[in-house]
C-alpha atoms as a PDB file:
ATOM      1  CA  MET A   1      15.812  26.784  -7.116  1.00  0.00           C
ATOM      2  CA  THR A   2      13.153  27.042  -9.506  1.00  0.00           C
ATOM      3  CA  VAL A   3      13.606  23.191 -10.061  1.00  0.00           C
ATOM      4  CA  CYS A   4      12.817  22.976  -6.478  1.00  0.00           C
ATOM      5  CA  LEU A   5       9.638  25.090  -6.900  1.00  0.00           C
ATOM      6  CA  LEU A   6       8.455  22.964  -9.907  1.00  0.00           C
ATOM      7  CA  LEU A   7       8.969  19.491  -7.883  1.00  0.00           C
ATOM      8  CA  LEU A   8       6.674  21.306  -5.099  1.00  0.00           C
ATOM      9  CA  SER A   9       4.462  22.488  -7.431  1.00  0.00           C
ATOM     10  CA  VAL A  10       3.864  18.374  -8.497  1.00  0.00           C
ATOM     11  CA  VAL A  11       3.588  17.662  -5.100  1.00  0.00           C
ATOM     12  CA  ALA A  12       0.885  20.161  -4.569  1.00  0.00           C
ATOM     13  CA  LEU A  13      -1.240  18.849  -7.512  1.00  0.00           C
ATOM     14  CA  THR A  14      -0.694  15.578  -7.042  1.00  0.00           C
ATOM     15  CA  ALA A  15      -1.670  15.186  -2.899  1.00  0.00           C
ATOM     16  CA  ALA A  16      -4.067  17.761  -3.100  1.00  0.00           C
ATOM     17  CA  VAL A  17      -7.795  17.071  -3.005  1.00  0.00           C
ATOM     18  CA  PRO A  18      -8.658  16.671  -7.053  1.00  0.00           C
ATOM     19  CA  ALA A  19      -6.323  14.054  -8.196  1.00  0.00           C
ATOM     20  CA  PRO A  20      -7.058  11.397  -5.001  1.00  0.00           C
ATOM     21  CA  ARG A  21     -10.559  12.147  -5.296  1.00  0.00           C
ATOM     22  CA  ALA A  22     -10.783  11.763  -9.175  1.00  0.00           C
ATOM     23  CA  LEU A  23      -9.338   8.084  -8.535  1.00  0.00           C
ATOM     24  CA  THR A  24     -11.393   7.201  -5.651  1.00  0.00           C
ATOM     25  CA  ARG A  25     -14.560   8.078  -7.639  1.00  0.00           C
ATOM     26  CA  ALA A  26     -13.565   6.487 -10.976  1.00  0.00           C
ATOM     27  CA  ALA A  27     -15.304   3.558 -12.011  1.00  0.00           C
ATOM     28  CA  TRP A  28     -12.655   1.443 -13.124  1.00  0.00           C
ATOM     29  CA  PRO A  29     -10.902   0.447  -9.844  1.00  0.00           C
ATOM     30  CA  GLU A  30     -13.578  -1.818  -8.997  1.00  0.00           C
ATOM     31  CA  ARG A  31     -13.020  -3.593 -12.114  1.00  0.00           C
ATOM     32  CA  GLU A  32      -9.430  -4.142 -11.764  1.00  0.00           C
ATOM     33  CA  PRO A  33      -8.336  -3.675  -8.096  1.00  0.00           C
ATOM     34  CA  VAL A  34      -4.804  -4.576  -8.753  1.00  0.00           C
ATOM     35  CA  VAL A  35      -3.910  -1.957 -11.404  1.00  0.00           C
ATOM     36  CA  ALA A  36      -5.857   0.377  -9.057  1.00  0.00           C
ATOM     37  CA  LEU A  37      -3.196  -0.320  -6.267  1.00  0.00           C
ATOM     38  CA  TRP A  38      -0.702  -0.063  -8.666  1.00  0.00           C
ATOM     39  CA  ALA A  39      -2.032   3.559  -9.799  1.00  0.00           C
ATOM     40  CA  TRP A  40      -2.419   4.341  -5.859  1.00  0.00           C
ATOM     41  CA  GLN A  41       1.415   3.323  -5.194  1.00  0.00           C
ATOM     42  CA  CYS A  42       3.005   5.222  -8.370  1.00  0.00           C
ATOM     43  CA  MET A  43       0.954   8.515  -7.068  1.00  0.00           C
ATOM     44  CA  VAL A  44       2.223   8.296  -3.843  1.00  0.00           C
ATOM     45  CA  ALA A  45       5.786   7.247  -5.119  1.00  0.00           C
ATOM     46  CA  THR A  46       5.859  10.608  -7.096  1.00  0.00           C
ATOM     47  CA  VAL A  47       5.092  12.676  -4.005  1.00  0.00           C
ATOM     48  CA  LEU A  48       7.754  11.227  -2.007  1.00  0.00           C
ATOM     49  CA  LEU A  49      10.252  11.392  -4.840  1.00  0.00           C
ATOM     50  CA  CYS A  50       9.563  15.252  -5.449  1.00  0.00           C
ATOM     51  CA  CYS A  51       9.981  15.665  -1.903  1.00  0.00           C
ATOM     52  CA  LEU A  52      13.255  13.480  -1.926  1.00  0.00           C
ATOM     53  CA  THR A  53      14.718  15.372  -4.619  1.00  0.00           C
ATOM     54  CA  ALA A  54      13.490  18.660  -3.799  1.00  0.00           C
ATOM     55  CA  LEU A  55      15.124  18.066  -0.337  1.00  0.00           C
ATOM     56  CA  VAL A  56      18.603  17.055  -2.120  1.00  0.00           C
ATOM     57  CA  LEU A  57      18.614  19.981  -4.153  1.00  0.00           C
ATOM     58  CA  GLY A  58      17.937  22.502  -1.569  1.00  0.00           C
ATOM     59  CA  ALA A  59      20.422  20.923   1.002  1.00  0.00           C
ATOM     60  CA  ALA A  60      23.105  21.601  -2.065  1.00  0.00           C
ATOM     61  CA  ALA A  61      22.015  25.224  -2.591  1.00  0.00           C
ATOM     62  CA  VAL A  62      22.257  25.715   1.515  1.00  0.00           C
ATOM     63  CA  PHE A  63      25.313  23.737   2.272  1.00  0.00           C
ATOM     64  CA  HIS A  64      28.417  23.960  -0.120  1.00  0.00           C
ATOM     65  CA  THR A  65      29.667  20.291   1.669  1.00  0.00           C
ATOM     66  CA  VAL A  66      26.348  18.645   0.207  1.00  0.00           C
ATOM     67  CA  ARG A  67      26.524  20.379  -2.748  1.00  0.00           C
ATOM     68  CA  ASP A  68      30.211  19.393  -3.600  1.00  0.00           C
ATOM     69  CA  ARG A  69      29.270  15.814  -2.659  1.00  0.00           C
ATOM     70  CA  VAL A  70      26.017  15.835  -5.024  1.00  0.00           C
ATOM     71  CA  PHE A  71      27.823  17.276  -8.004  1.00  0.00           C
ATOM     72  CA  ALA A  72      31.377  16.163  -7.649  1.00  0.00           C
ATOM     73  CA  PRO A  73      31.252  13.889 -10.816  1.00  0.00           C
ATOM     74  CA  ALA A  74      29.366  16.819 -12.863  1.00  0.00           C
ATOM     75  CA  PRO A  75      31.289  19.491 -14.579  1.00  0.00           C
ATOM     76  CA  PRO A  76      31.200  22.793 -13.522  1.00  0.00           C
ATOM     77  CA  SER A  77      28.640  23.579 -16.341  1.00  0.00           C
ATOM     78  CA  VAL A  78      25.949  21.389 -14.786  1.00  0.00           C
ATOM     79  CA  THR A  79      26.629  22.791 -11.634  1.00  0.00           C
ATOM     80  CA  ALA A  80      26.012  26.132 -12.756  1.00  0.00           C
ATOM     81  CA  ALA A  81      22.792  25.507 -14.704  1.00  0.00           C
ATOM     82  CA  TYR A  82      20.905  24.561 -11.414  1.00  0.00           C
ATOM     83  CA  ASP A  83      22.085  28.065 -10.002  1.00  0.00           C
ATOM     84  CA  LEU A  84      22.646  27.252  -6.578  1.00  0.00           C
ATOM     85  CA  SER A  85      25.604  29.732  -5.959  1.00  0.00           C
ATOM     86  CA  THR A  86      23.303  32.295  -3.718  1.00  0.00           C
ATOM     87  CA  ALA A  87      20.530  30.621  -2.089  1.00  0.00           C
ATOM     88  CA  PRO A  88      17.772  32.879  -0.613  1.00  0.00           C
ATOM     89  CA  VAL A  89      16.726  32.445   2.968  1.00  0.00           C
ATOM     90  CA  TRP A  90      13.355  30.817   1.992  1.00  0.00           C
ATOM     91  CA  ALA A  91      15.440  27.818   0.390  1.00  0.00           C
ATOM     92  CA  ALA A  92      17.085  27.594   4.221  1.00  0.00           C
ATOM     93  CA  VAL A  93      13.710  27.265   5.690  1.00  0.00           C
ATOM     94  CA  LEU A  94      12.195  25.160   3.097  1.00  0.00           C
ATOM     95  CA  THR A  95      15.100  22.656   3.289  1.00  0.00           C
ATOM     96  CA  VAL A  96      14.501  22.684   7.216  1.00  0.00           C
ATOM     97  CA  LEU A  97      11.011  22.002   6.623  1.00  0.00           C
ATOM     98  CA  LEU A  98      11.503  19.082   3.652  1.00  0.00           C
ATOM     99  CA  ALA A  99      14.425  17.532   6.380  1.00  0.00           C
ATOM    100  CA  CYS A 100      11.417  17.326   8.949  1.00  0.00           C
ATOM    101  CA  GLY A 101       9.016  15.768   6.923  1.00  0.00           C
ATOM    102  CA  ALA A 102      11.588  13.228   6.046  1.00  0.00           C
ATOM    103  CA  ALA A 103      12.326  12.630   9.499  1.00  0.00           C
ATOM    104  CA  TRP A 104       8.741  12.537  10.276  1.00  0.00           C
ATOM    105  CA  THR A 105       8.099   9.991   7.330  1.00  0.00           C
ATOM    106  CA  THR A 106      10.544   7.709   8.561  1.00  0.00           C
ATOM    107  CA  ALA A 107       9.828   7.823  12.146  1.00  0.00           C
ATOM    108  CA  MET A 108       6.435   6.714  11.254  1.00  0.00           C
ATOM    109  CA  LEU A 109       7.404   4.091   9.142  1.00  0.00           C
ATOM    110  CA  ALA A 110       9.569   2.735  11.568  1.00  0.00           C
ATOM    111  CA  ARG A 111       6.753   3.047  14.352  1.00  0.00           C
ATOM    112  CA  GLU A 112       4.137   1.474  12.369  1.00  0.00           C
ATOM    113  CA  LEU A 113       6.970  -1.313  11.640  1.00  0.00           C
ATOM    114  CA  VAL A 114       7.638  -1.750  15.381  1.00  0.00           C
ATOM    115  CA  GLU A 115       3.971  -2.061  16.440  1.00  0.00           C
ATOM    116  CA  ALA A 116       3.015  -4.531  13.803  1.00  0.00           C
ATOM    117  CA  ARG A 117       5.926  -6.684  15.096  1.00  0.00           C
ATOM    118  CA  ARG A 118       4.731  -6.393  18.647  1.00  0.00           C
ATOM    119  CA  SER A 119       0.997  -7.001  17.085  1.00  0.00           C
ATOM    120  CA  ARG A 120       1.972 -10.190  15.489  1.00  0.00           C
ATOM    121  CA  GLY A 121       4.159 -11.394  18.520  1.00  0.00           C
ATOM    122  CA  ARG A 122       0.831 -10.954  20.879  1.00  0.00           C
ATOM    123  CA  ALA A 123      -0.913 -12.468  18.152  1.00  0.00           C
ATOM    124  CA  ARG A 124       1.631 -15.530  17.966  1.00  0.00           C
ATOM    125  CA  ALA A 125       1.607 -16.033  21.572  1.00  0.00           C
ATOM    126  CA  GLN A 126      -2.387 -16.357  21.795  1.00  0.00           C
ATOM    127  CA  LEU A 127      -2.454 -19.021  18.972  1.00  0.00           C
ATOM    128  CA  ARG A 128       0.169 -20.765  21.019  1.00  0.00           C
ATOM    129  CA  GLU A 129      -2.014 -20.647  24.034  1.00  0.00           C
ATOM    130  CA  ARG A 130      -5.264 -21.601  22.042  1.00  0.00           C
ATOM    131  CA  ALA A 131      -3.659 -24.315  19.689  1.00  0.00           C
ATOM    132  CA  PRO A 132      -4.092 -27.754  20.823  1.00  0.00           C
ATOM    133  CA  GLU A 133      -1.057 -29.745  22.438  1.00  0.00           C
ATOM    134  CA  LEU A 134       0.434 -32.105  19.815  1.00  0.00           C
ATOM    135  CA  PRO A 135       0.770 -35.414  20.687  1.00  0.00           C
ATOM    136  CA  ALA A 136       4.288 -36.621  22.145  1.00  0.00           C
ATOM    137  CA  GLY A 137       6.634 -37.503  19.248  1.00  0.00           C
ATOM    138  CA  LEU A 138       5.367 -35.231  16.469  1.00  0.00           C
ATOM    139  CA  PRO A 139       7.718 -32.350  15.447  1.00  0.00           C
ATOM    140  CA  ALA A 140       6.655 -29.001  17.449  1.00  0.00           C
ATOM    141  CA  ALA A 141       6.307 -27.048  14.449  1.00  0.00           C
ATOM    142  CA  ARG A 142       2.691 -26.806  13.104  1.00  0.00           C
ATOM    143  CA  GLY A 143       3.358 -26.114   9.735  1.00  0.00           C
ATOM    144  CA  PRO A 144       1.865 -23.280   7.455  1.00  0.00           C
ATOM    145  CA  MET A 145      -1.607 -23.978   8.831  1.00  0.00           C
ATOM    146  CA  LEU A 146      -2.904 -23.838  12.215  1.00  0.00           C
ATOM    147  CA  VAL A 147      -6.606 -25.164  13.270  1.00  0.00           C
ATOM    148  CA  LEU A 148      -8.271 -23.736  16.542  1.00  0.00           C
ATOM    149  CA  GLU A 149     -11.176 -24.965  18.182  1.00  0.00           C
ATOM    150  CA  ASP A 150     -13.784 -22.415  18.009  1.00  0.00           C
ATOM    151  CA  GLU A 151     -17.357 -22.158  17.075  1.00  0.00           C
ATOM    152  CA  TYR A 152     -17.111 -19.318  15.156  1.00  0.00           C
ATOM    153  CA  PRO A 153     -16.237 -19.813  11.491  1.00  0.00           C
ATOM    154  CA  ASP A 154     -12.818 -17.619  10.801  1.00  0.00           C
ATOM    155  CA  ALA A 155      -9.727 -18.048   8.860  1.00  0.00           C
ATOM    156  CA  TRP A 156      -6.688 -15.471   8.656  1.00  0.00           C
ATOM    157  CA  TRP A 157      -3.336 -15.076   7.039  1.00  0.00           C
ATOM    158  CA  MET A 158      -0.430 -13.963   9.924  1.00  0.00           C
ATOM    159  CA  PRO A 159       2.226 -13.146   8.049  1.00  0.00           C
ATOM    160  CA  GLY A 160       5.745 -13.222   9.630  1.00  0.00           C
ATOM    161  CA  HIS A 161       8.731 -15.784   9.521  1.00  0.00           C
ATOM    162  CA  PRO A 162       7.364 -18.484   8.664  1.00  0.00           C
ATOM    163  CA  PRO A 163       3.745 -16.811   7.547  1.00  0.00           C
ATOM    164  CA  GLN A 164       0.983 -18.963   8.470  1.00  0.00           C
ATOM    165  CA  LEU A 165      -2.915 -19.588   7.842  1.00  0.00           C
ATOM    166  CA  VAL A 166      -5.491 -20.106  10.724  1.00  0.00           C
ATOM    167  CA  VAL A 167      -8.439 -21.506  10.431  1.00  0.00           C
ATOM    168  CA  THR A 168     -11.291 -22.310  13.365  1.00  0.00           C
ATOM    169  CA  THR A 169     -13.116 -25.626  13.560  1.00  0.00           C
ATOM    170  CA  GLY A 170     -16.027 -23.260  12.851  1.00  0.00           C
ATOM    171  CA  ALA A 171     -15.135 -22.794   9.447  1.00  0.00           C
ATOM    172  CA  LEU A 172     -14.156 -26.607   8.729  1.00  0.00           C
ATOM    173  CA  HIS A 173     -17.530 -27.339   9.938  1.00  0.00           C
ATOM    174  CA  ARG A 174     -19.712 -24.563   8.208  1.00  0.00           C
ATOM    175  CA  LEU A 175     -18.006 -24.306   5.091  1.00  0.00           C
ATOM    176  CA  THR A 176     -17.809 -27.041   1.972  1.00  0.00           C
ATOM    177  CA  ASP A 177     -14.808 -27.992   0.312  1.00  0.00           C
ATOM    178  CA  LEU A 178     -14.733 -25.741  -2.206  1.00  0.00           C
ATOM    179  CA  GLN A 179     -15.825 -22.785   0.036  1.00  0.00           C
ATOM    180  CA  LEU A 180     -13.033 -23.407   2.271  1.00  0.00           C
ATOM    181  CA  ASP A 181     -10.593 -23.405  -0.475  1.00  0.00           C
ATOM    182  CA  ALA A 182     -12.027 -20.022  -1.877  1.00  0.00           C
ATOM    183  CA  VAL A 183     -11.430 -18.699   1.600  1.00  0.00           C
ATOM    184  CA  LEU A 184      -7.673 -20.166   1.881  1.00  0.00           C
ATOM    185  CA  THR A 185      -6.988 -18.934  -1.744  1.00  0.00           C
ATOM    186  CA  HIS A 186      -8.494 -15.557  -0.590  1.00  0.00           C
ATOM    187  CA  GLU A 187      -5.818 -15.470   2.534  1.00  0.00           C
ATOM    188  CA  ARG A 188      -2.862 -16.852   0.450  1.00  0.00           C
ATOM    189  CA  GLY A 189      -3.483 -14.151  -2.612  1.00  0.00           C
ATOM    190  CA  HIS A 190      -2.881 -11.624   0.251  1.00  0.00           C
ATOM    191  CA  ALA A 191       0.447 -13.718   1.296  1.00  0.00           C
ATOM    192  CA  ARG A 192       1.786 -13.808  -2.121  1.00  0.00           C
ATOM    193  CA  ALA A 193       0.790 -10.128  -3.012  1.00  0.00           C
ATOM    194  CA  HIS A 194       2.512  -8.871   0.311  1.00  0.00           C
ATOM    195  CA  HIS A 195      -0.576  -6.731   1.282  1.00  0.00           C
ATOM    196  CA  ASP A 196       0.532  -6.439   4.739  1.00  0.00           C
ATOM    197  CA  TRP A 197       3.059  -4.234   3.603  1.00  0.00           C
ATOM    198  CA  LEU A 198       1.230  -2.187   1.262  1.00  0.00           C
ATOM    199  CA  LEU A 199      -1.173  -1.710   4.583  1.00  0.00           C
ATOM    200  CA  HIS A 200       1.837  -0.445   6.680  1.00  0.00           C
ATOM    201  CA  LEU A 201       2.910   1.854   4.404  1.00  0.00           C
ATOM    202  CA  SER A 202      -0.809   3.369   4.028  1.00  0.00           C
ATOM    203  CA  THR A 203      -1.175   3.319   7.008  1.00  0.00           C
ATOM    204  CA  ALA A 204       1.899   4.945   8.574  1.00  0.00           C
ATOM    205  CA  LEU A 205       1.394   7.804   6.011  1.00  0.00           C
ATOM    206  CA  ALA A 206      -2.141   8.719   6.636  1.00  0.00           C
ATOM    207  CA  THR A 207      -1.106   8.658  10.558  1.00  0.00           C
ATOM    208  CA  GLY A 208       1.811  10.839  10.144  1.00  0.00           C
ATOM    209  CA  PHE A 209       0.109  13.222   7.715  1.00  0.00           C
ATOM    210  CA  PRO A 210      -3.640  13.369   8.214  1.00  0.00           C
ATOM    211  CA  ARG A 211      -4.277  16.542   6.491  1.00  0.00           C
ATOM    212  CA  VAL A 212      -2.671  15.240   3.229  1.00  0.00           C
ATOM    213  CA  PRO A 213      -5.664  14.032   0.931  1.00  0.00           C
ATOM    214  CA  LEU A 214      -3.485  11.864  -1.019  1.00  0.00           C
ATOM    215  CA  PHE A 215      -2.451   9.784   2.124  1.00  0.00           C
ATOM    216  CA  ALA A 216      -5.851   9.502   3.796  1.00  0.00           C
ATOM    217  CA  HIS A 217      -7.237   8.225   0.443  1.00  0.00           C
ATOM    218  CA  PHE A 218      -4.467   6.053  -0.313  1.00  0.00           C
ATOM    219  CA  CYS A 219      -4.667   4.468   3.217  1.00  0.00           C
ATOM    220  CA  ASP A 220      -8.465   3.976   2.502  1.00  0.00           C
ATOM    221  CA  GLN A 221      -8.492   2.578  -0.700  1.00  0.00           C
ATOM    222  CA  THR A 222      -5.562   0.170   0.265  1.00  0.00           C
ATOM    223  CA  HIS A 223      -7.607  -1.363   2.782  1.00  0.00           C
ATOM    224  CA  ARG A 224     -10.562  -1.645   0.210  1.00  0.00           C
ATOM    225  CA  LEU A 225      -8.575  -2.854  -2.651  1.00  0.00           C
ATOM    226  CA  VAL A 226      -6.412  -5.273  -1.151  1.00  0.00           C
ATOM    227  CA  GLU A 227      -9.794  -7.442  -0.101  1.00  0.00           C
ATOM    228  CA  LEU A 228     -11.232  -7.100  -3.820  1.00  0.00           C
ATOM    229  CA  ALA A 229      -7.841  -7.977  -4.915  1.00  0.00           C
ATOM    230  CA  ALA A 230      -7.869 -11.283  -2.830  1.00  0.00           C
ATOM    231  CA  ASP A 231     -11.765 -11.965  -3.588  1.00  0.00           C
ATOM    232  CA  ASP A 232     -10.600 -11.941  -7.445  1.00  0.00           C
ATOM    233  CA  THR A 233      -8.043 -14.371  -6.767  1.00  0.00           C
ATOM    234  CA  ALA A 234     -10.325 -16.468  -4.856  1.00  0.00           C
ATOM    235  CA  SER A 235     -13.299 -16.331  -7.416  1.00  0.00           C
ATOM    236  CA  ARG A 236     -10.895 -17.135 -10.304  1.00  0.00           C
ATOM    237  CA  ARG A 237     -10.315 -20.274  -9.024  1.00  0.00           C
ATOM    238  CA  CYS A 238     -13.823 -21.153  -7.182  1.00  0.00           C
ATOM    239  CA  GLY A 239     -16.133 -19.068  -9.165  1.00  0.00           C
ATOM    240  CA  HIS A 240     -17.537 -15.797  -7.816  1.00  0.00           C
ATOM    241  CA  LEU A 241     -20.632 -17.660  -6.365  1.00  0.00           C
ATOM    242  CA  THR A 242     -18.550 -19.898  -4.195  1.00  0.00           C
ATOM    243  CA  THR A 243     -16.566 -16.939  -2.936  1.00  0.00           C
ATOM    244  CA  ALA A 244     -19.456 -15.085  -2.028  1.00  0.00           C
ATOM    245  CA  LEU A 245     -21.215 -18.017  -0.312  1.00  0.00           C
ATOM    246  CA  ALA A 246     -18.028 -18.679   1.629  1.00  0.00           C
ATOM    247  CA  LEU A 247     -17.718 -14.953   2.623  1.00  0.00           C
ATOM    248  CA  ILE A 248     -21.516 -14.843   4.145  1.00  0.00           C
ATOM    249  CA  GLU A 249     -20.928 -17.702   6.009  1.00  0.00           C
ATOM    250  CA  LEU A 250     -17.801 -16.918   7.581  1.00  0.00           C
ATOM    251  CA  ASN A 251     -19.600 -13.255   8.191  1.00  0.00           C
ATOM    252  CA  GLN A 252     -22.797 -13.782   8.967  1.00  0.00           C
ATOM    253  CA  HIS A 253     -22.642 -14.030  13.057  1.00  0.00           C
ATOM    254  CA  ARG A 254     -21.067 -10.610  12.375  1.00  0.00           C
ATOM    255  CA  GLY A 255     -23.454  -8.984  10.473  1.00  0.00           C
ATOM    256  CA  VAL A 256     -22.762  -8.768   6.924  1.00  0.00           C
ATOM    257  CA  LEU A 257     -25.048  -5.805   6.085  1.00  0.00           C
ATOM    258  CA  SER A 258     -24.551  -3.950   9.155  1.00  0.00           C
ATOM    259  CA  CYS A 259     -24.089  -0.374   9.017  1.00  0.00           C
ATOM    260  CA  ASP A 260     -20.539  -0.143   9.750  1.00  0.00           C
ATOM    261  CA  SER A 261     -18.098   0.899   7.623  1.00  0.00           C
ATOM    262  CA  SER A 262     -16.187  -2.820   7.741  1.00  0.00           C
ATOM    263  CA  ARG A 263     -19.604  -4.372   7.290  1.00  0.00           C
ATOM    264  CA  ARG A 264     -20.327  -2.126   4.405  1.00  0.00           C
ATOM    265  CA  LEU A 265     -17.451  -3.328   2.854  1.00  0.00           C
ATOM    266  CA  LEU A 266     -18.296  -7.045   3.557  1.00  0.00           C
ATOM    267  CA  GLY A 267     -21.911  -5.908   1.828  1.00  0.00           C
ATOM    268  CA  GLU A 268     -20.159  -4.256  -1.450  1.00  0.00           C
ATOM    269  CA  ARG A 269     -17.691  -7.359  -1.593  1.00  0.00           C
ATOM    270  CA  VAL A 270     -20.811  -9.831  -1.663  1.00  0.00           C
ATOM    271  CA  ASP A 271     -22.645  -7.783  -4.392  1.00  0.00           C
ATOM    272  CA  ARG A 272     -19.597  -7.416  -6.693  1.00  0.00           C
ATOM    273  CA  LEU A 273     -19.127 -11.346  -6.233  1.00  0.00           C
ATOM    274  CA  LEU A 274     -22.686 -11.805  -7.141  1.00  0.00           C
ATOM    275  CA  GLU A 275     -22.721  -9.448 -10.153  1.00  0.00           C
ATOM    276  CA  PRO A 276     -19.143  -9.289 -11.116  1.00  0.00           C
ATOM    277  CA  PRO A 277     -18.206  -5.846 -13.242  1.00  0.00           C
ATOM    278  CA  PRO A 278     -16.487  -7.020 -16.466  1.00  0.00           C
ATOM    279  CA  ARG A 279     -12.941  -6.040 -16.488  1.00  0.00           C
ATOM    280  CA  LEU A 280     -11.239  -3.788 -18.832  1.00  0.00           C
ATOM    281  CA  LEU A 281      -9.634  -5.028 -21.829  1.00  0.00           C
ATOM    282  CA  ARG A 282      -6.301  -6.079 -22.124  1.00  0.00           C
ATOM    283  CA  ARG A 283      -4.968  -2.985 -24.104  1.00  0.00           C
ATOM    284  CA  HIS A 284      -6.403  -0.830 -21.726  1.00  0.00           C
ATOM    285  CA  ARG A 285      -5.238  -2.658 -18.677  1.00  0.00           C
ATOM    286  CA  ALA A 286      -1.680  -2.411 -20.297  1.00  0.00           C
ATOM    287  CA  LEU A 287      -2.264   1.465 -21.197  1.00  0.00           C
ATOM    288  CA  THR A 288      -3.605   2.052 -17.405  1.00  0.00           C
ATOM    289  CA  THR A 289      -0.594   0.421 -16.021  1.00  0.00           C
ATOM    290  CA  THR A 290       2.076   2.173 -18.094  1.00  0.00           C
ATOM    291  CA  VAL A 291       0.723   5.828 -17.614  1.00  0.00           C
ATOM    292  CA  ALA A 292       0.900   4.980 -13.836  1.00  0.00           C
ATOM    293  CA  ALA A 293       4.407   3.638 -13.947  1.00  0.00           C
ATOM    294  CA  LEU A 294       5.468   6.594 -15.946  1.00  0.00           C
ATOM    295  CA  VAL A 295       4.079   9.271 -13.372  1.00  0.00           C
ATOM    296  CA  PRO A 296       6.850   8.945 -11.125  1.00  0.00           C
ATOM    297  CA  LEU A 297       9.473   9.528 -13.538  1.00  0.00           C
ATOM    298  CA  LEU A 298       8.094  13.324 -13.609  1.00  0.00           C
ATOM    299  CA  PRO A 299      10.157  14.209 -10.489  1.00  0.00           C
ATOM    300  CA  LEU A 300      13.353  12.615 -12.020  1.00  0.00           C
ATOM    301  CA  LEU A 301      12.707  14.436 -15.412  1.00  0.00           C
ATOM    302  CA  ILE A 302      12.621  17.776 -14.051  1.00  0.00           C
ATOM    303  CA  THR A 303      15.475  17.418 -11.656  1.00  0.00           C
ATOM    304  CA  PHE A 304      17.753  16.071 -14.323  1.00  0.00           C
ATOM    305  CA  ALA A 305      16.355  18.294 -17.182  1.00  0.00           C
ATOM    306  CA  PRO A 306      18.527  21.294 -16.682  1.00  0.00           C
ATOM    307  CA  GLY A 307      21.847  18.829 -16.363  1.00  0.00           C
ATOM    308  CA  LEU A 308      21.176  17.032 -19.006  1.00  0.00           C
ATOM    309  CA  THR A 309      20.367  20.242 -21.166  1.00  0.00           C
ATOM    310  CA  ALA A 310      23.369  21.972 -19.915  1.00  0.00           C
ATOM    311  CA  LEU A 311      25.548  19.045 -21.450  1.00  0.00           C
ATOM    312  CA  SER A 312      24.188  18.989 -25.014  1.00  0.00           C
END
């Protein structure tokens, strides 16, 4: 059970306050939001992998049936290296807690997906009511873009099957062609990167485990970084100034510089586009991406180390 304790130690070090707070306060994520999103995902994957492998080893120590199935292909020396023959009482309690955590995580993810599907269904029903009627003889399918009659400028991407880009007539009237292109590129950036799935995952973990600092910071930073990443996608195509002006035009009636947290993010995005920070050097981006990708290998290394040592 020493391996389980090591895995839980990694969980405590990764999910505690210092690690996520250090990444939150770092300056480089604003310069490379895509790499920062990858780093956050790798940290969360490390914690989940640690908990999963600890659960499997704990169940193998408590239940002989699980042990026989998990270590069936392995020689006796490998099984003996994990010292699972005598499981203390705390091992059973720990296994039950980990199993409850896994079930709760699964339930939160399922709940988030069901709620997202219901929300998309309601939104699509409202769009069908608001969308103008097509002339007779035209096909019923409206294609990937839908224009709504609305004086307020707005544009958003609705995920689903099929995904759909919605633009109001207010946006068409207020934005220039290049600004409209920037807005559409921003929304398509969300769609191509599947940011909706990342938002659902972070929201489910933060809702299910509100007292875990890593998941709370992961949720907050994901909502922020996906917007910065989409802004970068639009600015690379249409320019920083054009993207900033399009963002201001779309949100002017909402109060871009309001004290509300979502409005503060809009102000930060505008400031970032008007004074874009320099990107990291290519080798620094590659190094950061590689190091982040290696972090989830730590629980696998801890888990398989006794078996590999026994085989050698």
